Every structure is written in structure tokens, then in C-alpha cells.
Amino acid sequence: MRASLLQMQVDPDESVASRRERAAALVRGQAGADLVVLPELWPVGAFAHDRFAAEAEDADPATGPTALAMSAAARDAGVWLHAGSIVEKGEEGGALYNTSLVFSPTGELAAAYRKIHRFGFDRGEAALMTAGTTPVTVPHPQATLGLATCYDLRFPELFRALVDAGAGVLVVPAGWPAKRAAHWSLFTRARAVENQCFVLACGTAGTHAGVAQAGHSAVIDPWGETVAEAATTDETVLTVDLDLTQIEKVREVFPVLKDRVL
């Protein structure tokens, strides 16, 4: 599997419409990849809480501008696209969700995952957004993808549920703060090791509403080794070829998952 992680810059001086066009162009530039991944809340910025309601949109490509743009970009490039997440406008009651969208190479919306664990300790995202309730996997032709978003990394039980559902590649878009960059590195490797999965962790570059981002998007293998990592916090594209046979090889050689009790 060839995976490309797009560590996008989220500049508050760039309009959402302009960034949407730029993201679509970046995706189109990854033709030939098997999976392309964008970061969390890249249209608005993960910490731009005061803009969440105004920038909320539908997850349906027929009515949502980001979903429409990402559907078209996936189709044009012929790639599976994890389009990061958007502020989704719920069906009723004014609820907002932090929702990840995955598109097939035909542009079809293959899956949507509403982030289960919201960050902020009753402030910010935790106060403004409604929690999702359902773990989501995606039947990519080469490996089942397990979806998680940013703060979800701190809750290993979600990843166990994804593995139980057949996931071999865990895809984690994020808007992770630079001041907790050490935790980013720790948790991405831990989730890979304990679940014997690949982890594709795609962060943002730049600063969101005054919060510097950690960058350093990374691909971790099922033994916990870093296959590739963005060298800086700047915008970059990280492309890596994954040997998916490693998943079963590691699980056979070191069958720790068979010893689970709880």
C-alpha cells in the first residue's frame, strides 16, 4: 500500500474556500497512491472554536462544499481518500460533530466517523460538539482501515474495538498541539505496538487560533518502529510504501493479541 499523508498548513489569513481548493489540488497530486490522508479539521482549524458554528457543513457531497471538493479530488486522482475531518452540521437540533470523511476512488462517500472523544475538559470542542458513539472501519481493498481522530489516541479501548472489527491499518488525522508533541509520538507508537497494526498519523502544520501545531506526521509499523516521519512542523507530503504482510507476520511471531483476557 502506498500512503500519502498531507501535513497541511492551516493559516488563519487563508480563506476556507481557498484552503479547500488547495487541499483538492494536493490530493490530485497524489495520483498513484492507494490511500491519501488529510489532517483533522483542516478547513477551519482545530482550535478555531469561535468559527465552528459558522463553518459547519453537511457531510453529504451533494450539499457539503468540502465533501463535494474531496469527492471530486478522490475521483480525479483515482485514490482512496481519508479527507481528514470537518465541522459537520447535524441533522437536527443544531448539533455539531467533528466528522471524518472517507471517499473511494470513484468519489463515493465510503464512510463517515464522528469523533467519539472530544478534547477540552468541558471547554472548546468538548462544549461545542456532540460526541460520536460508533467505532468505524472501512473495507479498503488492501486492508481494513480503523478510523480515529486526534484526542481518541489517548483512549486505547477504541483501538481495541477497531482491531476486533478487523482493522489492520489505523488512520488518525489530528490537530495536535506542539506543546504535547512528545505525547503524539508516544501514543502513535503505543497504539501500533499494542494492536500490532500500522498507524498512519497525519497532523497539521502552522498555528490554529494561536495554538502551534506539532506537525511530525508519522507512519508506524506493527512492531512500533517509525517507518517514516515528517521532519518538521512545516507543510509537507509524507509518502511511504507499506508492506501489509507485516501485520500478520508480527501477529504470528509474537501472538500477544491471543492472550487478551479483558
C-alpha atoms as a PDB file:
ATOM      1  CA  MET A   1       0.000   0.000   0.000  1.00  0.00           C
ATOM      2  CA  ARG A   2       1.353   3.409  -0.954  1.00  0.00           C
ATOM      3  CA  ALA A   3       0.076   6.004   1.524  1.00  0.00           C
ATOM      4  CA  SER A   4       0.487   9.772   1.320  1.00  0.00           C
ATOM      5  CA  LEU A   5      -0.073  11.926   4.407  1.00  0.00           C
ATOM      6  CA  LEU A   6      -0.736  15.599   3.635  1.00  0.00           C
ATOM      7  CA  GLN A   7       0.512  17.670   6.580  1.00  0.00           C
ATOM      8  CA  MET A   8      -1.355  20.846   5.620  1.00  0.00           C
ATOM      9  CA  GLN A   9      -0.697  24.374   6.802  1.00  0.00           C
ATOM     10  CA  VAL A  10      -3.773  25.963   8.364  1.00  0.00           C
ATOM     11  CA  ASP A  11      -3.255  29.717   8.093  1.00  0.00           C
ATOM     12  CA  PRO A  12      -5.953  31.940   9.646  1.00  0.00           C
ATOM     13  CA  ASP A  13      -5.349  34.507   6.887  1.00  0.00           C
ATOM     14  CA  GLU A  14      -6.271  31.984   4.186  1.00  0.00           C
ATOM     15  CA  SER A  15      -9.980  31.630   3.473  1.00  0.00           C
ATOM     16  CA  VAL A  16     -11.680  28.276   3.916  1.00  0.00           C
ATOM     17  CA  ALA A  17     -12.611  28.297   0.226  1.00  0.00           C
ATOM     18  CA  SER A  18      -9.001  28.874  -0.789  1.00  0.00           C
ATOM     19  CA  ARG A  19      -7.717  26.156   1.535  1.00  0.00           C
ATOM     20  CA  ARG A  20     -10.368  23.776   0.203  1.00  0.00           C
ATOM     21  CA  GLU A  21      -9.110  24.358  -3.352  1.00  0.00           C
ATOM     22  CA  ARG A  22      -5.512  23.911  -2.222  1.00  0.00           C
ATOM     23  CA  ALA A  23      -6.327  20.661  -0.420  1.00  0.00           C
ATOM     24  CA  ALA A  24      -8.066  19.340  -3.518  1.00  0.00           C
ATOM     25  CA  ALA A  25      -5.010  20.188  -5.617  1.00  0.00           C
ATOM     26  CA  LEU A  26      -2.738  18.397  -3.145  1.00  0.00           C
ATOM     27  CA  VAL A  27      -4.940  15.307  -3.312  1.00  0.00           C
ATOM     28  CA  ARG A  28      -4.934  15.356  -7.116  1.00  0.00           C
ATOM     29  CA  GLY A  29      -1.157  15.441  -6.968  1.00  0.00           C
ATOM     30  CA  GLN A  30      -1.128  12.026  -5.258  1.00  0.00           C
ATOM     31  CA  ALA A  31      -2.407  10.003  -8.221  1.00  0.00           C
ATOM     32  CA  GLY A  32      -0.942   6.518  -7.927  1.00  0.00           C
ATOM     33  CA  ALA A  33      -1.277   6.338  -4.148  1.00  0.00           C
ATOM     34  CA  ASP A  34      -3.519   3.694  -2.595  1.00  0.00           C
ATOM     35  CA  LEU A  35      -4.530   5.939   0.296  1.00  0.00           C
ATOM     36  CA  VAL A  36      -4.267   9.688   0.864  1.00  0.00           C
ATOM     37  CA  VAL A  37      -4.835  11.226   4.300  1.00  0.00           C
ATOM     38  CA  LEU A  38      -5.592  14.821   5.339  1.00  0.00           C
ATOM     39  CA  PRO A  39      -5.490  16.198   8.911  1.00  0.00           C
ATOM     40  CA  GLU A  40      -8.231  16.939  11.431  1.00  0.00           C
ATOM     41  CA  LEU A  41     -10.454  19.999  10.877  1.00  0.00           C
ATOM     42  CA  TRP A  42      -8.129  21.449   8.248  1.00  0.00           C
ATOM     43  CA  PRO A  43     -10.874  23.619   6.669  1.00  0.00           C
ATOM     44  CA  VAL A  44     -11.301  25.755   9.791  1.00  0.00           C
ATOM     45  CA  GLY A  45      -8.504  24.809  12.228  1.00  0.00           C
ATOM     46  CA  ALA A  46      -8.843  22.501  15.208  1.00  0.00           C
ATOM     47  CA  PHE A  47      -8.618  25.325  17.749  1.00  0.00           C
ATOM     48  CA  ALA A  48     -10.652  27.971  15.910  1.00  0.00           C
ATOM     49  CA  HIS A  49     -13.593  27.298  18.214  1.00  0.00           C
ATOM     50  CA  ASP A  50     -15.275  30.625  17.552  1.00  0.00           C
ATOM     51  CA  ARG A  51     -15.653  29.680  13.875  1.00  0.00           C
ATOM     52  CA  PHE A  52     -17.036  26.170  14.276  1.00  0.00           C
ATOM     53  CA  ALA A  53     -20.729  27.078  14.026  1.00  0.00           C
ATOM     54  CA  ALA A  54     -20.239  29.460  11.097  1.00  0.00           C
ATOM     55  CA  GLU A  55     -18.152  26.954   9.120  1.00  0.00           C
ATOM     56  CA  ALA A  56     -20.301  23.876   9.870  1.00  0.00           C
ATOM     57  CA  GLU A  57     -21.341  21.986   6.745  1.00  0.00           C
ATOM     58  CA  ASP A  58     -23.020  18.828   5.544  1.00  0.00           C
ATOM     59  CA  ALA A  59     -21.077  15.590   5.201  1.00  0.00           C
ATOM     60  CA  ASP A  60     -23.028  14.719   2.055  1.00  0.00           C
ATOM     61  CA  PRO A  61     -21.144  15.570  -1.181  1.00  0.00           C
ATOM     62  CA  ALA A  62     -24.446  16.661  -2.692  1.00  0.00           C
ATOM     63  CA  THR A  63     -24.797  19.525  -0.200  1.00  0.00           C
ATOM     64  CA  GLY A  64     -21.479  19.984   1.616  1.00  0.00           C
ATOM     65  CA  PRO A  65     -18.759  22.054  -0.112  1.00  0.00           C
ATOM     66  CA  THR A  66     -15.785  20.263   1.449  1.00  0.00           C
ATOM     67  CA  ALA A  67     -17.328  16.837   0.874  1.00  0.00           C
ATOM     68  CA  LEU A  68     -18.038  17.786  -2.745  1.00  0.00           C
ATOM     69  CA  ALA A  69     -14.492  19.042  -3.322  1.00  0.00           C
ATOM     70  CA  MET A  70     -12.912  15.978  -1.704  1.00  0.00           C
ATOM     71  CA  SER A  71     -15.179  13.577  -3.588  1.00  0.00           C
ATOM     72  CA  ALA A  72     -14.143  15.161  -6.873  1.00  0.00           C
ATOM     73  CA  ALA A  73     -10.447  15.171  -5.931  1.00  0.00           C
ATOM     74  CA  ALA A  74     -10.527  11.474  -4.945  1.00  0.00           C
ATOM     75  CA  ARG A  75     -12.233  10.618  -8.231  1.00  0.00           C
ATOM     76  CA  ASP A  76      -9.844  12.708 -10.323  1.00  0.00           C
ATOM     77  CA  ALA A  77      -6.772  11.184  -8.654  1.00  0.00           C
ATOM     78  CA  GLY A  78      -8.252   7.676  -8.542  1.00  0.00           C
ATOM     79  CA  VAL A  79      -7.346   7.271  -4.858  1.00  0.00           C
ATOM     80  CA  TRP A  80      -8.917   6.239  -1.612  1.00  0.00           C
ATOM     81  CA  LEU A  81      -9.054   9.480   0.357  1.00  0.00           C
ATOM     82  CA  HIS A  82      -9.358   9.958   4.083  1.00  0.00           C
ATOM     83  CA  ALA A  83     -10.315  13.630   3.823  1.00  0.00           C
ATOM     84  CA  GLY A  84      -9.474  14.468   7.430  1.00  0.00           C
ATOM     85  CA  SER A  85     -12.410  15.904   9.326  1.00  0.00           C
ATOM     86  CA  ILE A  86     -14.886  18.740   9.045  1.00  0.00           C
ATOM     87  CA  VAL A  87     -17.244  20.510  11.421  1.00  0.00           C
ATOM     88  CA  GLU A  88     -20.392  18.634  10.471  1.00  0.00           C
ATOM     89  CA  LYS A  89     -23.790  20.230  10.832  1.00  0.00           C
ATOM     90  CA  GLY A  90     -26.027  17.611  12.430  1.00  0.00           C
ATOM     91  CA  GLU A  91     -29.383  16.581  11.059  1.00  0.00           C
ATOM     92  CA  GLU A  92     -31.425  18.256  13.777  1.00  0.00           C
ATOM     93  CA  GLY A  93     -31.216  20.401  16.883  1.00  0.00           C
ATOM     94  CA  GLY A  94     -28.163  22.377  15.808  1.00  0.00           C
ATOM     95  CA  ALA A  95     -25.687  19.683  16.895  1.00  0.00           C
ATOM     96  CA  LEU A  96     -22.123  19.889  15.573  1.00  0.00           C
ATOM     97  CA  TYR A  97     -19.789  16.928  15.093  1.00  0.00           C
ATOM     98  CA  ASN A  98     -16.102  16.507  14.342  1.00  0.00           C
ATOM     99  CA  THR A  99     -16.614  14.158  11.413  1.00  0.00           C
ATOM    100  CA  SER A 100     -14.054  12.322   9.301  1.00  0.00           C
ATOM    101  CA  LEU A 101     -14.943  11.500   5.699  1.00  0.00           C
ATOM    102  CA  VAL A 102     -13.521   8.679   3.575  1.00  0.00           C
ATOM    103  CA  PHE A 103     -14.017   8.561  -0.194  1.00  0.00           C
ATOM    104  CA  SER A 104     -13.465   5.731  -2.654  1.00  0.00           C
ATOM    105  CA  PRO A 105     -11.579   6.212  -5.950  1.00  0.00           C
ATOM    106  CA  THR A 106     -14.940   6.728  -7.665  1.00  0.00           C
ATOM    107  CA  GLY A 107     -15.696   9.665  -5.360  1.00  0.00           C
ATOM    108  CA  GLU A 108     -18.304   7.771  -3.361  1.00  0.00           C
ATOM    109  CA  LEU A 109     -18.558   8.596   0.366  1.00  0.00           C
ATOM    110  CA  ALA A 110     -17.442   5.230   1.766  1.00  0.00           C
ATOM    111  CA  ALA A 111     -17.558   6.108   5.478  1.00  0.00           C
ATOM    112  CA  ALA A 112     -18.084   8.902   7.963  1.00  0.00           C
ATOM    113  CA  TYR A 113     -16.783   8.774  11.533  1.00  0.00           C
ATOM    114  CA  ARG A 114     -17.989  11.167  14.217  1.00  0.00           C
ATOM    115  CA  LYS A 115     -15.181  11.674  16.740  1.00  0.00           C
ATOM    116  CA  ILE A 116     -16.041   9.885  19.973  1.00  0.00           C
ATOM    117  CA  HIS A 117     -13.641  11.596  22.399  1.00  0.00           C
ATOM    118  CA  ARG A 118     -13.837  15.397  22.327  1.00  0.00           C
ATOM    119  CA  PHE A 119     -10.973  17.460  23.677  1.00  0.00           C
ATOM    120  CA  GLY A 120     -11.278  20.419  26.018  1.00  0.00           C
ATOM    121  CA  PHE A 121     -12.396  19.328  29.507  1.00  0.00           C
ATOM    122  CA  ASP A 122     -15.854  20.899  29.116  1.00  0.00           C
ATOM    123  CA  ARG A 123     -14.493  23.774  27.017  1.00  0.00           C
ATOM    124  CA  GLY A 124     -13.785  24.270  23.309  1.00  0.00           C
ATOM    125  CA  GLU A 125     -14.534  21.188  21.247  1.00  0.00           C
ATOM    126  CA  ALA A 126     -15.920  19.322  24.265  1.00  0.00           C
ATOM    127  CA  ALA A 127     -18.501  22.049  24.873  1.00  0.00           C
ATOM    128  CA  LEU A 128     -19.337  22.890  21.259  1.00  0.00           C
ATOM    129  CA  MET A 129     -19.513  19.480  19.635  1.00  0.00           C
ATOM    130  CA  THR A 130     -21.595  16.379  20.211  1.00  0.00           C
ATOM    131  CA  ALA A 131     -19.758  13.087  20.708  1.00  0.00           C
ATOM    132  CA  GLY A 132     -19.999  10.292  18.204  1.00  0.00           C
ATOM    133  CA  THR A 133     -20.913   6.883  19.549  1.00  0.00           C
ATOM    134  CA  THR A 134     -19.846   4.305  16.965  1.00  0.00           C
ATOM    135  CA  PRO A 135     -16.393   2.970  16.006  1.00  0.00           C
ATOM    136  CA  VAL A 136     -15.993   2.871  12.222  1.00  0.00           C
ATOM    137  CA  THR A 137     -13.932   0.685   9.916  1.00  0.00           C
ATOM    138  CA  VAL A 138     -13.559   0.933   6.139  1.00  0.00           C
ATOM    139  CA  PRO A 139     -13.085  -2.079   3.809  1.00  0.00           C
ATOM    140  CA  HIS A 140     -10.183  -0.756   1.733  1.00  0.00           C
ATOM    141  CA  PRO A 141      -9.245  -3.383  -0.902  1.00  0.00           C
ATOM    142  CA  GLN A 142      -5.816  -3.936   0.658  1.00  0.00           C
ATOM    143  CA  ALA A 143      -6.557  -3.723   4.382  1.00  0.00           C
ATOM    144  CA  THR A 144      -9.395  -2.816   6.696  1.00  0.00           C
ATOM    145  CA  LEU A 145      -8.938   0.759   7.930  1.00  0.00           C
ATOM    146  CA  GLY A 146      -9.826   1.716  11.501  1.00  0.00           C
ATOM    147  CA  LEU A 147     -10.784   5.370  11.989  1.00  0.00           C
ATOM    148  CA  ALA A 148      -9.863   7.553  14.950  1.00  0.00           C
ATOM    149  CA  THR A 149      -9.254  11.280  15.394  1.00  0.00           C
ATOM    150  CA  CYS A 150      -6.626  13.152  17.431  1.00  0.00           C
ATOM    151  CA  TYR A 151      -7.689  13.021  21.123  1.00  0.00           C
ATOM    152  CA  ASP A 152      -9.013   9.488  20.514  1.00  0.00           C
ATOM    153  CA  LEU A 153      -5.346   8.414  20.680  1.00  0.00           C
ATOM    154  CA  ARG A 154      -5.500   8.691  24.477  1.00  0.00           C
ATOM    155  CA  PHE A 155      -8.226   6.036  24.739  1.00  0.00           C
ATOM    156  CA  PRO A 156      -6.848   2.589  23.859  1.00  0.00           C
ATOM    157  CA  GLU A 157     -10.193   0.839  24.227  1.00  0.00           C
ATOM    158  CA  LEU A 158     -11.403   2.448  20.988  1.00  0.00           C
ATOM    159  CA  PHE A 159      -8.487   0.934  19.114  1.00  0.00           C
ATOM    160  CA  ARG A 160      -9.188  -2.497  20.595  1.00  0.00           C
ATOM    161  CA  ALA A 161     -12.716  -2.207  19.219  1.00  0.00           C
ATOM    162  CA  LEU A 162     -11.318  -1.327  15.793  1.00  0.00           C
ATOM    163  CA  VAL A 163      -8.956  -4.313  15.861  1.00  0.00           C
ATOM    164  CA  ASP A 164     -11.830  -6.569  16.917  1.00  0.00           C
ATOM    165  CA  ALA A 165     -13.670  -5.271  13.841  1.00  0.00           C
ATOM    166  CA  GLY A 166     -10.763  -6.379  11.645  1.00  0.00           C
ATOM    167  CA  ALA A 167      -8.640  -3.238  11.331  1.00  0.00           C
ATOM    168  CA  GLY A 168      -5.034  -3.666  10.281  1.00  0.00           C
ATOM    169  CA  VAL A 169      -4.308  -0.015   9.444  1.00  0.00           C
ATOM    170  CA  LEU A 170      -5.327   2.674  11.945  1.00  0.00           C
ATOM    171  CA  VAL A 171      -5.755   6.117  10.372  1.00  0.00           C
ATOM    172  CA  VAL A 172      -5.551   9.088  12.741  1.00  0.00           C
ATOM    173  CA  PRO A 173      -5.916  12.660  11.456  1.00  0.00           C
ATOM    174  CA  ALA A 174      -5.094  15.245  14.100  1.00  0.00           C
ATOM    175  CA  GLY A 175      -4.632  18.866  15.059  1.00  0.00           C
ATOM    176  CA  TRP A 176      -2.153  18.034  17.842  1.00  0.00           C
ATOM    177  CA  PRO A 177      -0.547  20.905  19.788  1.00  0.00           C
ATOM    178  CA  ALA A 178       3.227  21.343  19.658  1.00  0.00           C
ATOM    179  CA  LYS A 179       3.472  21.594  23.448  1.00  0.00           C
ATOM    180  CA  ARG A 180       2.361  17.960  23.716  1.00  0.00           C
ATOM    181  CA  ALA A 181       4.386  16.673  20.766  1.00  0.00           C
ATOM    182  CA  ALA A 182       6.083  14.069  22.975  1.00  0.00           C
ATOM    183  CA  HIS A 183       2.676  12.542  23.711  1.00  0.00           C
ATOM    184  CA  TRP A 184       1.904  12.426  19.973  1.00  0.00           C
ATOM    185  CA  SER A 185       4.993  10.334  19.382  1.00  0.00           C
ATOM    186  CA  LEU A 186       4.318   8.142  22.425  1.00  0.00           C
ATOM    187  CA  PHE A 187       0.663   7.394  21.676  1.00  0.00           C
ATOM    188  CA  THR A 188       1.052   6.736  17.963  1.00  0.00           C
ATOM    189  CA  ARG A 189       3.732   4.146  18.669  1.00  0.00           C
ATOM    190  CA  ALA A 190       1.835   2.667  21.616  1.00  0.00           C
ATOM    191  CA  ARG A 191      -1.350   2.178  19.599  1.00  0.00           C
ATOM    192  CA  ALA A 192       0.689   0.439  16.872  1.00  0.00           C
ATOM    193  CA  VAL A 193       2.541  -1.852  19.284  1.00  0.00           C
ATOM    194  CA  GLU A 194      -0.399  -2.905  21.440  1.00  0.00           C
ATOM    195  CA  ASN A 195      -2.669  -3.582  18.454  1.00  0.00           C
ATOM    196  CA  GLN A 196       0.003  -4.892  16.065  1.00  0.00           C
ATOM    197  CA  CYS A 197      -1.263  -2.550  13.352  1.00  0.00           C
ATOM    198  CA  PHE A 198       0.105   0.133  11.113  1.00  0.00           C
ATOM    199  CA  VAL A 199      -0.709   3.628  12.353  1.00  0.00           C
ATOM    200  CA  LEU A 200      -0.957   6.489   9.861  1.00  0.00           C
ATOM    201  CA  ALA A 201      -0.976   9.676  11.928  1.00  0.00           C
ATOM    202  CA  CYS A 202      -1.481  12.877   9.932  1.00  0.00           C
ATOM    203  CA  GLY A 203      -1.156  16.201  11.747  1.00  0.00           C
ATOM    204  CA  THR A 204      -1.365  19.817  10.689  1.00  0.00           C
ATOM    205  CA  ALA A 205       1.305  22.449  10.202  1.00  0.00           C
ATOM    206  CA  GLY A 206       1.227  26.055  11.324  1.00  0.00           C
ATOM    207  CA  THR A 207      -0.776  27.658  14.121  1.00  0.00           C
ATOM    208  CA  HIS A 208      -4.522  27.379  14.765  1.00  0.00           C
ATOM    209  CA  ALA A 209      -6.017  30.272  16.700  1.00  0.00           C
ATOM    210  CA  GLY A 210      -2.701  30.866  18.426  1.00  0.00           C
ATOM    211  CA  VAL A 211      -2.010  27.174  19.133  1.00  0.00           C
ATOM    212  CA  ALA A 212       1.204  25.976  17.477  1.00  0.00           C
ATOM    213  CA  GLN A 213       0.808  22.548  15.884  1.00  0.00           C
ATOM    214  CA  ALA A 214       3.052  19.541  16.438  1.00  0.00           C
ATOM    215  CA  GLY A 215       3.344  18.507  12.780  1.00  0.00           C
ATOM    216  CA  HIS A 216       5.620  15.437  12.583  1.00  0.00           C
ATOM    217  CA  SER A 217       3.074  13.257  10.825  1.00  0.00           C
ATOM    218  CA  ALA A 218       4.235   9.660  11.038  1.00  0.00           C
ATOM    219  CA  VAL A 219       3.753   6.109   9.847  1.00  0.00           C
ATOM    220  CA  ILE A 220       4.370   3.430  12.473  1.00  0.00           C
ATOM    221  CA  ASP A 221       4.606  -0.283  11.713  1.00  0.00           C
ATOM    222  CA  PRO A 222       3.033  -3.152  13.716  1.00  0.00           C
ATOM    223  CA  TRP A 223       6.239  -3.629  15.720  1.00  0.00           C
ATOM    224  CA  GLY A 224       6.207   0.027  16.783  1.00  0.00           C
ATOM    225  CA  GLU A 225       9.015   1.152  14.504  1.00  0.00           C
ATOM    226  CA  THR A 226       8.716   4.520  12.780  1.00  0.00           C
ATOM    227  CA  VAL A 227       8.669   3.820   9.055  1.00  0.00           C
ATOM    228  CA  ALA A 228       8.583   7.496   8.106  1.00  0.00           C
ATOM    229  CA  GLU A 229       8.110  10.822   9.874  1.00  0.00           C
ATOM    230  CA  ALA A 230       7.800  14.408   8.712  1.00  0.00           C
ATOM    231  CA  ALA A 231      10.999  16.119   9.769  1.00  0.00           C
ATOM    232  CA  THR A 232       9.427  19.446  10.711  1.00  0.00           C
ATOM    233  CA  THR A 233       6.205  21.228  11.650  1.00  0.00           C
ATOM    234  CA  ASP A 234       6.026  22.789   8.166  1.00  0.00           C
ATOM    235  CA  GLU A 235       3.589  21.790   5.429  1.00  0.00           C
ATOM    236  CA  THR A 236       4.801  18.672   3.669  1.00  0.00           C
ATOM    237  CA  VAL A 237       3.701  15.469   1.966  1.00  0.00           C
ATOM    238  CA  LEU A 238       4.868  12.226   3.550  1.00  0.00           C
ATOM    239  CA  THR A 239       4.660   9.240   1.183  1.00  0.00           C
ATOM    240  CA  VAL A 240       5.566   5.708   2.201  1.00  0.00           C
ATOM    241  CA  ASP A 241       5.147   2.182   0.845  1.00  0.00           C
ATOM    242  CA  LEU A 242       3.708  -0.192   3.441  1.00  0.00           C
ATOM    243  CA  ASP A 243       4.376  -3.919   3.467  1.00  0.00           C
ATOM    244  CA  LEU A 244       0.990  -5.049   4.762  1.00  0.00           C
ATOM    245  CA  THR A 245       2.235  -8.619   5.199  1.00  0.00           C
ATOM    246  CA  GLN A 246       3.962  -7.310   8.325  1.00  0.00           C
ATOM    247  CA  ILE A 247       0.628  -7.245  10.135  1.00  0.00           C
ATOM    248  CA  GLU A 248       0.120 -10.999  10.066  1.00  0.00           C
ATOM    249  CA  LYS A 249       3.841 -11.738  10.375  1.00  0.00           C
ATOM    250  CA  VAL A 250       4.115  -9.775  13.623  1.00  0.00           C
ATOM    251  CA  ARG A 251       0.908 -11.305  14.965  1.00  0.00           C
ATOM    252  CA  GLU A 252       2.180 -14.803  14.185  1.00  0.00           C
ATOM    253  CA  VAL A 253       5.697 -14.340  15.567  1.00  0.00           C
ATOM    254  CA  PHE A 254       4.544 -12.501  18.705  1.00  0.00           C
ATOM    255  CA  PRO A 255       0.872 -13.518  19.203  1.00  0.00           C
ATOM    256  CA  VAL A 256       0.133 -11.172  22.079  1.00  0.00           C
ATOM    257  CA  LEU A 257      -3.424 -10.466  20.949  1.00  0.00           C
ATOM    258  CA  LYS A 258      -4.308 -14.110  21.551  1.00  0.00           C
ATOM    259  CA  ASP A 259      -3.538 -13.658  25.252  1.00  0.00           C
ATOM    260  CA  ARG A 260      -6.102 -10.909  25.795  1.00  0.00           C
ATOM    261  CA  VAL A 261      -8.316 -11.537  28.816  1.00  0.00           C
ATOM    262  CA  LEU A 262     -10.406  -8.351  29.002  1.00  0.00           C
END
